[in-house]
Amino acid sequence: MTGLFDIVYHMRASRDRLSATEQKIADAILEDIAFAASASIDQLAVKAAVSIATISRFAKAVGCEDIRDLKLKLAQASAVGTRFLSEVPAVEESAFYTQICSDVESTLRANLARFVEEDFRAAAGLLNSARLIYIGGMGGGSTMLADEVQFRIARLGKAVTAYHDPVLLRMLAATLTEQDVLVLLSVTGVTPELLEVADIAREYGAQIIVFTAPHSPLAVKANILLPVMTEETDFIYKPSASRYGMLLAIDILATELALARKNESKELLRRVKFALDEYRGGDNRLPLGD
């Protein structure tokens, strides 16, 4: 059997049509996926109070080829992590507001502590001298923040465009030269498409700036790595705070770039402000196109 097979889903979905003894096995497994994945068949049979033969029938009843296949799929399910399988402690009403804010603050401080000023200046130098800049990001936060990089850099007068389609990114990476810069964003650093795009860009001599996890497969492909740390909590219902760490890195890089060409940046930002105020009105302290 190939492809995605979610054994937890299949056990839950098929429970009502299982026999009474097979239901006992399903309940025993779902009660503790990690145990079921690591236990011997004898141990699992004892826990469910059934025979080994019944477990063999159960494996086929939930879509597995045999007991060995069942164990393999349970191990895959267990690898997801207990925070997605066990009951999450109840949070007092509105208490998670404070928790979200605390996680954001913790993420910002953890990332700031690991940033190296010289890396950001070097990255700004590459952007400042680039003929053109491509930004690539895929997934939830990285897609949104790739566009954010484009917005920050474009108003400083640089030729920059963000892309999210993997095929288009491959095509564009093949057109890059030593004068160009590719900026890639990935919280995990393991997205296969971005790894391939980085290899193509490196083949043709482009400089690569990467926002990603240190020591990840994507990190080692960077000319300049801007590390993004993730510290996920067991409260799975809120969005990941990791994107705030990446946003902080983006803001620092954009500011370094603006300061690297200070006089030109000042004039361009003045023009942006003038054009916006003429268009929308408002007081002098409105955001500069944000």
Protein backbone atom coordinates (compact mmCIF):
# COMPACT_ATOMS: atom_id res chain seq x y z
CA MET A 1 0.00 0.00 0.00
CA THR A 2 1.50 3.33 -1.02
CA GLY A 3 0.73 6.98 -0.48
CA LEU A 4 -0.79 8.68 2.53
CA PHE A 5 -2.58 6.36 4.94
CA ASP A 6 -3.73 7.85 8.24
CA ILE A 7 -4.24 4.85 10.52
CA VAL A 8 -5.74 6.99 13.32
CA TYR A 9 -8.40 8.30 10.95
CA HIS A 10 -9.17 4.83 9.60
CA MET A 11 -9.56 3.32 13.07
CA ARG A 12 -11.90 6.08 14.18
CA ALA A 13 -13.88 6.05 10.93
CA SER A 14 -14.33 2.26 10.85
CA ARG A 15 -14.98 1.68 14.56
CA ASP A 16 -18.76 1.27 14.27
CA ARG A 17 -18.45 -1.55 11.74
CA LEU A 18 -15.83 -3.46 13.69
CA SER A 19 -16.70 -6.46 15.84
CA ALA A 20 -16.86 -6.01 19.61
CA THR A 21 -13.40 -7.53 20.12
CA GLU A 22 -11.93 -5.46 17.29
CA GLN A 23 -13.40 -2.35 18.89
CA LYS A 24 -11.53 -3.25 22.08
CA ILE A 25 -8.29 -3.26 20.09
CA ALA A 26 -9.08 0.07 18.46
CA ASP A 27 -9.87 1.63 21.83
CA ALA A 28 -6.67 0.25 23.38
CA ILE A 29 -4.56 1.60 20.54
CA LEU A 30 -6.23 5.03 20.43
CA GLU A 31 -5.85 5.36 24.19
CA ASP A 32 -2.06 5.31 23.82
CA ILE A 33 -0.70 5.41 20.26
CA ALA A 34 2.91 5.61 21.42
CA PHE A 35 2.57 2.46 23.50
CA ALA A 36 0.80 0.58 20.72
CA ALA A 37 3.53 1.56 18.25
CA SER A 38 6.36 0.31 20.48
CA ALA A 39 4.67 -2.66 22.18
CA SER A 40 5.05 -6.24 21.05
CA ILE A 41 1.99 -8.02 19.66
CA ASP A 42 1.75 -10.00 22.87
CA GLN A 43 1.75 -6.81 24.95
CA LEU A 44 -0.89 -5.24 22.73
CA ALA A 45 -3.05 -8.35 22.96
CA VAL A 46 -2.78 -8.30 26.77
CA LYS A 47 -3.67 -4.62 26.93
CA ALA A 48 -6.75 -5.11 24.73
CA ALA A 49 -7.59 -8.46 26.37
CA VAL A 50 -7.86 -10.24 23.02
CA SER A 51 -5.97 -12.95 21.16
CA ILE A 52 -3.11 -12.38 18.72
CA ALA A 53 -5.30 -13.82 15.96
CA THR A 54 -7.90 -11.13 16.66
CA ILE A 55 -5.24 -8.44 16.26
CA SER A 56 -4.32 -9.96 12.88
CA ARG A 57 -7.97 -9.73 11.77
CA PHE A 58 -8.18 -6.20 13.14
CA ALA A 59 -5.17 -5.10 11.07
CA LYS A 60 -6.91 -6.12 7.86
CA ALA A 61 -10.23 -4.68 9.02
CA VAL A 62 -8.72 -1.19 9.28
CA GLY A 63 -6.98 -1.35 5.91
CA CYS A 64 -3.55 -2.75 6.76
CA GLU A 65 -1.93 -5.66 4.96
CA ASP A 66 -0.94 -7.49 8.14
CA ILE A 67 0.21 -6.93 11.74
CA ARG A 68 3.62 -5.71 10.58
CA ASP A 69 1.98 -3.10 8.36
CA LEU A 70 -0.28 -2.07 11.26
CA LYS A 71 2.78 -1.56 13.50
CA LEU A 72 4.52 0.50 10.83
CA LYS A 73 1.54 2.79 10.41
CA LEU A 74 1.15 3.15 14.17
CA ALA A 75 4.80 4.21 14.36
CA GLN A 76 4.16 6.82 11.67
CA ALA A 77 1.12 8.09 13.54
CA SER A 78 3.05 8.23 16.81
CA ALA A 79 5.76 10.32 15.17
CA VAL A 80 3.28 13.17 14.76
CA GLY A 81 3.56 13.81 18.49
CA THR A 82 1.37 13.23 21.50
CA ARG A 83 0.18 16.85 21.55
CA PHE A 84 -1.95 16.04 18.50
CA LEU A 85 -3.20 12.73 19.88
CA SER A 86 -3.86 13.30 23.58
CA GLU A 87 -6.35 15.53 25.29
CA VAL A 88 -5.13 19.11 25.66
CA PRO A 89 -5.63 20.57 29.17
CA ALA A 90 -8.54 22.98 29.28
CA VAL A 91 -7.67 26.66 29.14
CA GLU A 92 -9.73 29.18 31.03
CA GLU A 93 -11.92 31.35 28.86
CA SER A 94 -9.84 34.21 27.38
CA ALA A 95 -6.71 32.90 29.12
CA PHE A 96 -5.30 31.85 25.78
CA TYR A 97 -5.13 35.55 24.78
CA THR A 98 -2.34 35.97 27.32
CA GLN A 99 -0.77 32.68 26.23
CA ILE A 100 -0.66 33.78 22.58
CA CYS A 101 0.97 37.07 23.54
CA SER A 102 3.46 35.28 25.78
CA ASP A 103 4.42 32.84 23.02
CA VAL A 104 4.96 35.70 20.56
CA GLU A 105 7.16 37.58 23.02
CA SER A 106 9.12 34.43 23.83
CA THR A 107 9.66 33.71 20.12
CA LEU A 108 10.86 37.25 19.40
CA ARG A 109 13.34 37.22 22.28
CA ALA A 110 14.64 33.75 21.43
CA ASN A 111 15.26 34.72 17.81
CA LEU A 112 16.77 38.11 18.57
CA ALA A 113 19.28 36.47 20.91
CA ARG A 114 20.55 34.27 18.07
CA PHE A 115 20.76 36.91 15.32
CA VAL A 116 24.23 37.97 14.18
CA GLU A 117 24.43 41.61 13.09
CA GLU A 118 27.17 40.97 10.53
CA ASP A 119 24.98 38.40 8.75
CA PHE A 120 22.19 40.92 8.25
CA ARG A 121 24.62 43.54 6.98
CA ALA A 122 26.14 41.05 4.56
CA ALA A 123 22.67 40.06 3.32
CA ALA A 124 21.75 43.73 2.87
CA GLY A 125 24.96 44.19 0.89
CA LEU A 126 23.99 41.37 -1.48
CA LEU A 127 20.53 42.86 -1.97
CA ASN A 128 21.93 46.33 -2.51
CA SER A 129 24.22 45.20 -5.32
CA ALA A 130 21.83 42.72 -6.95
CA ARG A 131 20.68 43.11 -10.52
CA LEU A 132 17.38 41.55 -9.55
CA ILE A 133 15.95 39.74 -6.53
CA TYR A 134 13.58 36.78 -6.48
CA ILE A 135 11.79 35.74 -3.29
CA GLY A 136 10.47 32.20 -2.79
CA GLY A 137 8.24 30.91 -0.03
CA MET A 138 5.72 28.08 0.23
CA GLY A 139 3.28 27.03 2.92
CA GLY A 140 1.23 29.08 5.36
CA GLY A 141 3.56 31.61 6.95
CA SER A 142 6.34 31.49 4.34
CA THR A 143 3.99 32.34 1.46
CA MET A 144 2.66 35.41 3.25
CA LEU A 145 6.09 36.52 4.45
CA ALA A 146 7.70 36.10 1.03
CA ASP A 147 5.28 38.78 -0.16
CA GLU A 148 6.24 40.85 2.88
CA VAL A 149 9.92 40.72 1.87
CA GLN A 150 8.91 41.94 -1.58
CA PHE A 151 6.93 44.85 -0.14
CA ARG A 152 9.79 45.93 2.17
CA ILE A 153 12.43 45.81 -0.58
CA ALA A 154 10.38 47.19 -3.48
CA ARG A 155 9.79 50.55 -1.81
CA LEU A 156 13.55 50.96 -1.58
CA GLY A 157 13.79 50.97 -5.36
CA LYS A 158 15.04 47.42 -5.93
CA ALA A 159 13.83 45.08 -8.67
CA VAL A 160 12.18 42.34 -6.61
CA THR A 161 9.37 39.83 -7.08
CA ALA A 162 7.96 37.07 -4.89
CA TYR A 163 6.83 33.71 -6.26
CA HIS A 164 5.13 30.70 -4.69
CA ASP A 165 4.55 28.28 -7.54
CA PRO A 166 7.23 25.55 -7.43
CA VAL A 167 7.41 25.06 -11.19
CA LEU A 168 7.69 28.79 -11.86
CA LEU A 169 10.37 29.10 -9.19
CA ARG A 170 12.36 26.32 -10.87
CA MET A 171 12.11 28.13 -14.20
CA LEU A 172 13.17 31.46 -12.76
CA ALA A 173 16.02 29.95 -10.75
CA ALA A 174 17.44 28.65 -14.03
CA THR A 175 17.59 32.22 -15.41
CA LEU A 176 19.63 33.65 -12.51
CA THR A 177 23.25 34.81 -12.77
CA GLU A 178 26.06 35.78 -10.40
CA GLN A 179 24.56 39.27 -10.31
CA ASP A 180 21.23 38.06 -8.90
CA VAL A 181 19.97 37.11 -5.45
CA LEU A 182 17.46 34.44 -4.49
CA VAL A 183 15.81 34.81 -1.07
CA LEU A 184 14.12 31.68 0.28
CA LEU A 185 11.86 31.41 3.34
CA SER A 186 11.04 28.18 5.15
CA VAL A 187 10.41 27.77 8.86
CA THR A 188 11.37 24.08 8.74
CA GLY A 189 13.99 24.10 5.99
CA VAL A 190 12.87 20.75 4.62
CA THR A 191 10.41 21.70 1.84
CA PRO A 192 11.59 19.58 -1.14
CA GLU A 193 10.64 22.13 -3.80
CA LEU A 194 12.67 24.89 -2.17
CA LEU A 195 15.68 22.60 -1.76
CA GLU A 196 15.59 21.88 -5.50
CA VAL A 197 15.17 25.56 -6.38
CA ALA A 198 18.19 26.42 -4.24
CA ASP A 199 20.28 23.79 -6.05
CA ILE A 200 19.30 25.19 -9.45
CA ALA A 201 20.13 28.76 -8.42
CA ARG A 202 23.50 27.64 -7.02
CA GLU A 203 24.28 25.85 -10.27
CA TYR A 204 24.10 29.17 -12.12
CA GLY A 205 26.02 31.17 -9.54
CA ALA A 206 23.22 33.15 -7.89
CA GLN A 207 23.67 34.32 -4.32
CA ILE A 208 21.19 32.74 -1.91
CA ILE A 209 19.86 34.30 1.30
CA VAL A 210 17.81 31.92 3.42
CA PHE A 211 15.47 32.50 6.35
CA THR A 212 15.17 29.07 7.94
CA ALA A 213 16.01 26.77 10.83
CA PRO A 214 19.75 26.38 11.53
CA HIS A 215 21.27 23.02 10.54
CA SER A 216 18.30 22.25 8.27
CA PRO A 217 18.84 20.93 4.71
CA LEU A 218 17.95 24.34 3.28
CA ALA A 219 20.27 26.19 5.67
CA VAL A 220 23.37 24.46 4.29
CA LYS A 221 22.56 25.69 0.78
CA ALA A 222 22.65 29.38 1.77
CA ASN A 223 25.38 31.87 1.03
CA ILE A 224 23.98 33.78 3.98
CA LEU A 225 21.76 32.17 6.59
CA LEU A 226 19.38 34.27 8.67
CA PRO A 227 18.29 31.75 11.31
CA VAL A 228 14.69 31.40 12.43
CA MET A 229 14.06 29.45 15.62
CA THR A 230 10.80 27.66 16.41
CA GLU A 231 9.62 26.79 19.90
CA GLU A 232 6.24 25.14 19.52
CA THR A 233 4.03 24.59 22.55
CA ASP A 234 1.51 21.85 23.37
CA PHE A 235 -1.40 24.26 22.80
CA ILE A 236 -2.02 23.18 19.21
CA TYR A 237 -5.11 25.29 18.49
CA LYS A 238 -3.37 28.60 17.85
CA PRO A 239 -1.21 29.45 14.81
CA SER A 240 2.52 28.96 15.17
CA ALA A 241 4.40 31.88 16.71
CA SER A 242 7.41 31.06 14.50
CA ARG A 243 6.27 33.49 11.83
CA TYR A 244 6.84 36.37 14.24
CA GLY A 245 10.48 35.37 14.46
CA MET A 246 10.74 35.38 10.68
CA LEU A 247 8.94 38.73 10.48
CA LEU A 248 11.44 40.18 12.96
CA ALA A 249 14.30 38.97 10.76
CA ILE A 250 12.64 40.50 7.69
CA ASP A 251 12.24 43.87 9.41
CA ILE A 252 15.87 43.88 10.49
CA LEU A 253 17.06 43.00 6.98
CA ALA A 254 14.85 45.66 5.36
CA THR A 255 16.14 48.28 7.79
CA GLU A 256 19.76 47.30 7.15
CA LEU A 257 19.14 47.59 3.41
CA ALA A 258 17.57 51.03 3.82
CA LEU A 259 20.51 52.23 5.92
CA ALA A 260 23.04 50.79 3.46
CA ARG A 261 21.72 53.26 0.86
CA LYS A 262 20.55 55.88 3.33
CA ASN A 263 20.26 58.97 1.13
CA GLU A 264 18.60 57.12 -1.75
CA SER A 265 16.25 55.33 0.64
CA LYS A 266 15.25 58.60 2.29
CA GLU A 267 14.35 60.15 -1.03
CA LEU A 268 12.41 57.10 -2.24
CA LEU A 269 10.48 56.82 1.02
CA ARG A 270 9.70 60.54 0.79
CA ARG A 271 8.26 60.00 -2.68
CA VAL A 272 6.15 57.07 -1.43
CA LYS A 273 4.81 59.17 1.43
CA PHE A 274 4.11 62.11 -0.88
CA ALA A 275 2.25 59.93 -3.39
CA LEU A 276 0.18 58.26 -0.67
CA ASP A 277 -0.73 61.47 1.13
CA GLU A 278 -1.83 63.05 -2.14
CA TYR A 279 -3.99 59.99 -2.82
CA ARG A 280 -5.52 59.26 0.56
CA GLY A 281 -5.00 62.34 2.71
CA GLY A 282 -4.58 61.88 6.43
CA ASP A 283 -2.07 63.12 8.95
CA ASN A 284 1.72 62.99 8.68
CA ARG A 285 2.05 59.93 10.94
CA LEU A 286 0.06 57.45 8.91
CA PRO A 287 2.03 54.28 8.10
CA LEU A 288 4.19 54.43 5.01
CA GLY A 289 2.09 52.16 2.82
CA ASP A 290 1.89 49.33 5.37
